[in-house]
Amino acid sequence: MKKMLSTSSLAKKHSISAKELFGYFAKNGFIEKRDGSWLLSDKGKAIGGEYRESKQYGKYIVWPENIQLDLGVNEKFLSATAIGKHFSLSANKMNFILSEIGWIEKGLKGWKVTIQGEKQGGVQAEDPRSGIPFVRWPEKILESKTLLETISQVKGTQENTQDKENPSQKVDFREKFEAKHRSADGHFVRSKAEMLIDNWLYMAEIVHAYERKLPIEEDVYSDFYIPTGKVYIEYWGYENDEKYLARKKKKIEIYKKYGFNLIELNDKDVQNLDDVLPRMLLKYGVQAY
């Protein structure tokens, strides 16, 4: 007697989400949804689909365990292990890199894809034996500019590619705002206000990066980045400079476009960091002191 599996169990067997498999069956006309319930079509019955009933779940659909599925995925999907192997990194290191750029997040067990990760083609899956969640990625992820830059940073092989598309603008910015203020943790920052922010984060024992590139294709850099909570901090000065205000507006639009966690500080906030920052950081799960 052939073994039959529910759609959810069959999805686990193929390391895809139940939602993805239901979508595949519906797209190919094997099932259809009526009044909130999935029903077998004649086409679905022809490939072995049947109904079962239980006291707990009511009427549901089952499929032959050995059913041949052409999931229509022309592109190969990779696990973190496979991606890590490609870049000579461990699966654990690869997952932490994917988490650092905001494409996955740590669950109680395993990893869950984020909204940003889904935009990169990430698909939530589960280990069929343990049920531990993980994420599969389309092979094109190996060519992602954001991923390649982050891996280069981790390996220490990154070249200075900052603002190659408009180098004259970047040089002008660098010359005008030279990073000559040294903060307590050794960072060289571009203003006294940024030095005060950096010192505050350092004294609060909050791990942070200065001028961290946003994990997007555009060449945009934050003033500060806090890995815990995936929080970006921008200090806005020079409010009377039209070019600066235009740059500020464009930058805020990018933060909103990608849904990044952003804390905005002005001169008044910098004078009251002990009151302002703990409250703002707590909103994103970062506790100070």
Protein backbone atom coordinates (compact mmCIF):
# COMPACT_ATOMS: atom_id res chain seq x y z
CA MET A 1 0.00 0.00 0.00
CA LYS A 2 1.44 3.34 -1.05
CA LYS A 3 2.23 5.83 1.69
CA MET A 4 0.31 9.11 1.56
CA LEU A 5 1.49 12.45 2.98
CA SER A 6 -0.33 15.65 3.79
CA THR A 7 0.70 18.74 1.84
CA SER A 8 2.62 20.04 4.87
CA SER A 9 4.49 16.73 5.33
CA LEU A 10 5.24 16.57 1.61
CA ALA A 11 6.60 20.11 1.74
CA LYS A 12 8.96 19.14 4.58
CA LYS A 13 10.15 16.17 2.53
CA HIS A 14 11.12 18.52 -0.29
CA SER A 15 12.57 21.17 2.09
CA ILE A 16 10.11 23.87 1.06
CA SER A 17 7.39 25.70 2.96
CA ALA A 18 3.82 24.39 2.98
CA LYS A 19 2.70 27.75 1.62
CA GLU A 20 5.07 27.34 -1.33
CA LEU A 21 3.79 23.83 -2.10
CA PHE A 22 0.12 24.84 -1.82
CA GLY A 23 0.94 27.64 -4.26
CA TYR A 24 2.58 25.18 -6.65
CA PHE A 25 -0.44 22.84 -6.59
CA ALA A 26 -2.86 25.73 -7.08
CA LYS A 27 -0.82 27.28 -9.89
CA ASN A 28 -0.81 23.97 -11.76
CA GLY A 29 -4.55 23.41 -11.29
CA PHE A 30 -4.27 20.42 -8.93
CA ILE A 31 -6.22 22.17 -6.17
CA GLU A 32 -8.40 25.23 -5.87
CA LYS A 33 -9.63 27.27 -2.96
CA ARG A 34 -13.36 27.63 -2.29
CA ASP A 35 -14.90 29.27 0.77
CA GLY A 36 -11.55 29.19 2.53
CA SER A 37 -10.91 25.47 1.95
CA TRP A 38 -8.65 23.66 -0.51
CA LEU A 39 -10.41 21.26 -2.88
CA LEU A 40 -8.94 18.64 -5.21
CA SER A 41 -9.49 19.13 -8.93
CA ASP A 42 -9.83 16.26 -11.40
CA LYS A 43 -6.27 17.03 -12.42
CA GLY A 44 -5.14 16.70 -8.81
CA LYS A 45 -6.91 13.37 -8.42
CA ALA A 46 -5.21 12.17 -11.62
CA ILE A 47 -1.75 12.59 -10.06
CA GLY A 48 -2.79 10.67 -6.94
CA GLY A 49 -4.34 13.29 -4.66
CA GLU A 50 -6.96 11.99 -2.23
CA TYR A 51 -9.03 13.20 0.71
CA ARG A 52 -8.58 12.12 4.31
CA GLU A 53 -10.53 13.06 7.41
CA SER A 54 -9.54 13.34 11.05
CA LYS A 55 -11.27 14.53 14.19
CA GLN A 56 -8.54 17.10 14.76
CA TYR A 57 -8.10 18.55 11.25
CA GLY A 58 -11.32 17.62 9.49
CA LYS A 59 -11.13 17.02 5.74
CA TYR A 60 -7.68 17.47 4.16
CA ILE A 61 -5.73 16.43 1.07
CA VAL A 62 -2.97 13.82 0.91
CA TRP A 63 -0.52 12.91 -1.86
CA PRO A 64 1.59 9.85 -2.72
CA GLU A 65 4.93 10.05 -0.90
CA ASN A 66 6.84 9.35 -4.13
CA ILE A 67 4.88 11.84 -6.26
CA GLN A 68 7.06 13.45 -8.91
CA LEU A 69 7.02 17.21 -8.50
CA ASP A 70 8.34 19.62 -11.08
CA LEU A 71 8.40 22.64 -8.81
CA GLY A 72 9.11 24.86 -11.78
CA VAL A 73 12.29 26.15 -10.19
CA ASN A 74 14.73 26.65 -13.03
CA GLU A 75 17.16 28.29 -10.67
CA LYS A 76 19.08 26.19 -8.21
CA PHE A 77 18.50 27.00 -4.54
CA LEU A 78 21.32 26.91 -2.02
CA SER A 79 21.56 26.48 1.73
CA ALA A 80 23.88 28.54 3.92
CA THR A 81 26.18 25.52 3.96
CA ALA A 82 26.47 25.54 0.16
CA ILE A 83 26.95 29.32 0.01
CA GLY A 84 29.57 29.15 2.74
CA LYS A 85 31.41 26.39 0.90
CA HIS A 86 31.48 28.56 -2.22
CA PHE A 87 33.16 31.39 -0.28
CA SER A 88 35.31 29.08 1.90
CA LEU A 89 33.31 29.95 5.02
CA SER A 90 31.49 27.75 7.54
CA ALA A 91 27.68 27.53 7.48
CA ASN A 92 27.61 29.17 10.91
CA LYS A 93 29.72 32.12 9.73
CA MET A 94 27.60 32.40 6.58
CA ASN A 95 24.37 32.60 8.59
CA PHE A 96 25.80 35.32 10.81
CA ILE A 97 26.83 37.30 7.73
CA LEU A 98 23.32 36.95 6.28
CA SER A 99 21.95 38.05 9.64
CA GLU A 100 24.31 41.03 9.83
CA ILE A 101 23.03 42.38 6.52
CA GLY A 102 19.45 41.86 7.68
CA TRP A 103 18.36 39.02 5.38
CA ILE A 104 17.69 36.47 8.14
CA GLU A 105 17.10 36.62 11.87
CA LYS A 106 17.77 34.15 14.68
CA GLY A 107 14.74 32.25 15.88
CA LEU A 108 14.36 30.22 19.06
CA LYS A 109 15.95 27.52 16.94
CA GLY A 110 17.37 27.98 13.48
CA TRP A 111 17.02 30.96 11.16
CA LYS A 112 14.05 32.83 9.70
CA VAL A 113 13.98 34.86 6.50
CA THR A 114 13.23 38.59 6.88
CA ILE A 115 11.33 40.87 4.53
CA GLN A 116 14.64 42.04 3.08
CA GLY A 117 15.70 38.42 2.67
CA GLU A 118 12.52 37.58 0.77
CA LYS A 119 13.27 40.45 -1.60
CA GLN A 120 16.56 38.70 -2.37
CA GLY A 121 14.68 35.49 -3.19
CA GLY A 122 15.14 33.75 0.17
CA VAL A 123 12.64 30.97 0.88
CA GLN A 124 11.79 29.69 4.35
CA ALA A 125 12.29 25.95 4.80
CA GLU A 126 12.48 23.35 7.56
CA ASP A 127 14.73 20.40 8.19
CA PRO A 128 12.44 17.40 7.52
CA ARG A 129 13.86 15.47 10.47
CA SER A 130 14.34 18.06 13.21
CA GLY A 131 11.85 20.72 12.07
CA ILE A 132 14.51 23.38 12.62
CA PRO A 133 13.91 26.32 10.24
CA PHE A 134 16.50 27.47 7.73
CA VAL A 135 16.52 29.57 4.56
CA ARG A 136 17.24 28.56 0.98
CA TRP A 137 18.65 31.07 -1.50
CA PRO A 138 18.57 31.33 -5.31
CA GLU A 139 21.95 30.69 -6.92
CA LYS A 140 22.05 34.29 -8.16
CA ILE A 141 22.71 35.32 -4.53
CA LEU A 142 26.36 34.37 -5.14
CA GLU A 143 26.64 37.47 -7.34
CA SER A 144 24.93 39.88 -4.96
CA LYS A 145 26.96 43.07 -4.62
CA THR A 146 25.85 43.50 -1.00
CA LEU A 147 26.78 39.96 -0.02
CA LEU A 148 30.12 40.09 -1.83
CA GLU A 149 31.05 43.39 -0.16
CA THR A 150 30.15 42.08 3.30
CA ILE A 151 32.09 38.85 2.81
CA SER A 152 35.09 40.88 1.60
CA GLN A 153 34.90 43.00 4.75
CA VAL A 154 34.74 39.90 6.96
CA LYS A 155 37.72 38.37 5.16
CA GLY A 156 39.63 41.66 5.11
CA THR A 157 39.96 41.66 1.33
CA GLN A 158 37.70 44.61 0.54
CA GLU A 159 38.97 47.38 -1.69
CA ASN A 160 37.87 50.96 -1.15
CA THR A 161 34.91 51.07 -3.58
CA GLN A 162 33.00 53.76 -1.75
CA ASP A 163 31.07 55.96 -4.20
CA LYS A 164 32.88 54.81 -7.35
CA GLU A 165 29.86 55.93 -9.35
CA ASN A 166 30.39 59.53 -8.34
CA PRO A 167 33.97 59.80 -7.04
CA SER A 168 34.26 63.58 -7.44
CA GLN A 169 31.33 64.14 -5.08
CA LYS A 170 32.84 61.78 -2.51
CA VAL A 171 36.28 63.36 -2.71
CA ASP A 172 34.71 66.77 -2.19
CA PHE A 173 32.84 65.49 0.86
CA ARG A 174 35.97 63.86 2.26
CA GLU A 175 38.04 66.98 1.79
CA LYS A 176 35.42 69.22 3.35
CA PHE A 177 34.72 66.93 6.32
CA GLU A 178 38.00 65.18 7.09
CA ALA A 179 37.83 62.42 9.72
CA LYS A 180 40.23 64.01 12.20
CA HIS A 181 38.36 63.67 15.51
CA ARG A 182 39.55 60.59 17.36
CA SER A 183 36.97 59.00 19.66
CA ALA A 184 37.64 56.98 22.80
CA ASP A 185 37.52 53.64 20.95
CA GLY A 186 39.95 54.75 18.25
CA HIS A 187 37.46 55.65 15.52
CA PHE A 188 38.32 58.76 13.52
CA VAL A 189 35.08 60.66 12.91
CA ARG A 190 34.20 63.81 10.99
CA SER A 191 32.80 66.13 13.64
CA LYS A 192 32.79 66.80 17.36
CA ALA A 193 29.13 65.77 17.50
CA GLU A 194 29.95 62.39 15.95
CA MET A 195 32.79 62.00 18.43
CA LEU A 196 30.38 62.57 21.32
CA ILE A 197 27.96 59.98 19.88
CA ASP A 198 30.76 57.46 19.34
CA ASN A 199 32.11 58.02 22.86
CA TRP A 200 28.64 57.58 24.34
CA LEU A 201 28.14 54.25 22.55
CA TYR A 202 31.60 53.10 23.61
CA MET A 203 31.07 53.99 27.28
CA ALA A 204 27.66 52.28 27.18
CA GLU A 205 29.47 49.13 25.94
CA ILE A 206 27.36 49.02 22.78
CA VAL A 207 29.13 47.40 19.83
CA HIS A 208 28.95 49.74 16.87
CA ALA A 209 30.50 50.52 13.50
CA TYR A 210 31.26 53.93 12.01
CA GLU A 211 30.33 54.73 8.40
CA ARG A 212 28.84 51.29 7.75
CA LYS A 213 27.55 50.71 4.22
CA LEU A 214 23.84 49.89 4.07
CA PRO A 215 23.17 46.32 2.80
CA ILE A 216 21.69 47.54 -0.48
CA GLU A 217 22.88 48.01 -4.05
CA GLU A 218 23.05 51.80 -3.70
CA ASP A 219 26.28 53.24 -2.27
CA VAL A 220 24.87 54.70 0.94
CA TYR A 221 26.73 54.81 4.26
CA SER A 222 25.28 55.33 7.71
CA ASP A 223 27.00 57.42 10.37
CA PHE A 224 26.76 54.58 12.90
CA TYR A 225 25.48 51.02 12.82
CA ILE A 226 24.57 48.84 15.82
CA PRO A 227 24.43 45.11 14.92
CA THR A 228 22.27 44.35 17.95
CA GLY A 229 18.83 45.43 16.85
CA LYS A 230 20.06 46.22 13.31
CA VAL A 231 19.92 49.95 14.11
CA TYR A 232 21.37 52.79 12.05
CA ILE A 233 22.13 56.22 13.54
CA GLU A 234 22.32 59.40 11.52
CA TYR A 235 23.49 62.72 12.91
CA TRP A 236 22.10 65.65 10.95
CA GLY A 237 24.15 68.82 11.07
CA TYR A 238 24.56 71.73 8.65
CA GLU A 239 20.82 72.37 8.49
CA ASN A 240 21.42 75.65 6.60
CA ASP A 241 23.25 74.00 3.71
CA GLU A 242 20.95 73.34 0.73
CA LYS A 243 23.11 70.59 -0.76
CA TYR A 244 23.33 68.88 2.62
CA LEU A 245 19.55 69.08 3.10
CA ALA A 246 18.98 67.55 -0.34
CA ARG A 247 21.38 64.74 0.52
CA LYS A 248 19.62 64.26 3.87
CA LYS A 249 16.21 64.00 2.20
CA LYS A 250 17.43 61.42 -0.30
CA LYS A 251 19.10 59.39 2.44
CA ILE A 252 15.97 59.31 4.61
CA GLU A 253 13.94 58.15 1.61
CA ILE A 254 16.32 55.21 1.18
CA TYR A 255 15.99 54.23 4.83
CA LYS A 256 12.20 54.28 4.45
CA LYS A 257 12.31 52.41 1.15
CA TYR A 258 14.10 49.45 2.71
CA GLY A 259 12.41 49.63 6.11
CA PHE A 260 15.64 49.98 8.07
CA ASN A 261 15.64 50.87 11.77
CA LEU A 262 16.80 54.48 11.92
CA ILE A 263 17.60 56.82 14.81
CA GLU A 264 17.99 60.46 13.81
CA LEU A 265 19.94 62.88 16.00
CA ASN A 266 20.38 66.64 15.78
CA ASP A 267 22.52 69.08 17.76
CA LYS A 268 19.99 69.34 20.58
CA ASP A 269 19.89 65.55 20.94
CA VAL A 270 23.70 65.36 21.07
CA GLN A 271 23.67 67.68 24.07
CA ASN A 272 21.29 65.28 25.85
CA LEU A 273 22.48 61.83 24.79
CA ASP A 274 21.99 60.32 28.26
CA ASP A 275 18.29 61.13 28.05
CA VAL A 276 17.71 60.62 24.32
CA LEU A 277 19.68 57.58 23.16
CA PRO A 278 18.64 54.99 25.82
CA ARG A 279 14.99 55.61 25.00
CA MET A 280 15.53 55.52 21.24
CA LEU A 281 17.67 52.38 21.37
CA LEU A 282 15.26 50.53 23.63
CA LYS A 283 12.63 50.87 20.91
CA TYR A 284 14.75 48.46 18.84
CA GLY A 285 15.62 46.11 21.68
CA VAL A 286 19.03 47.62 22.48
CA GLN A 287 19.54 48.22 26.18
CA ALA A 288 22.06 50.77 27.42
CA TYR A 289 23.71 50.45 30.83
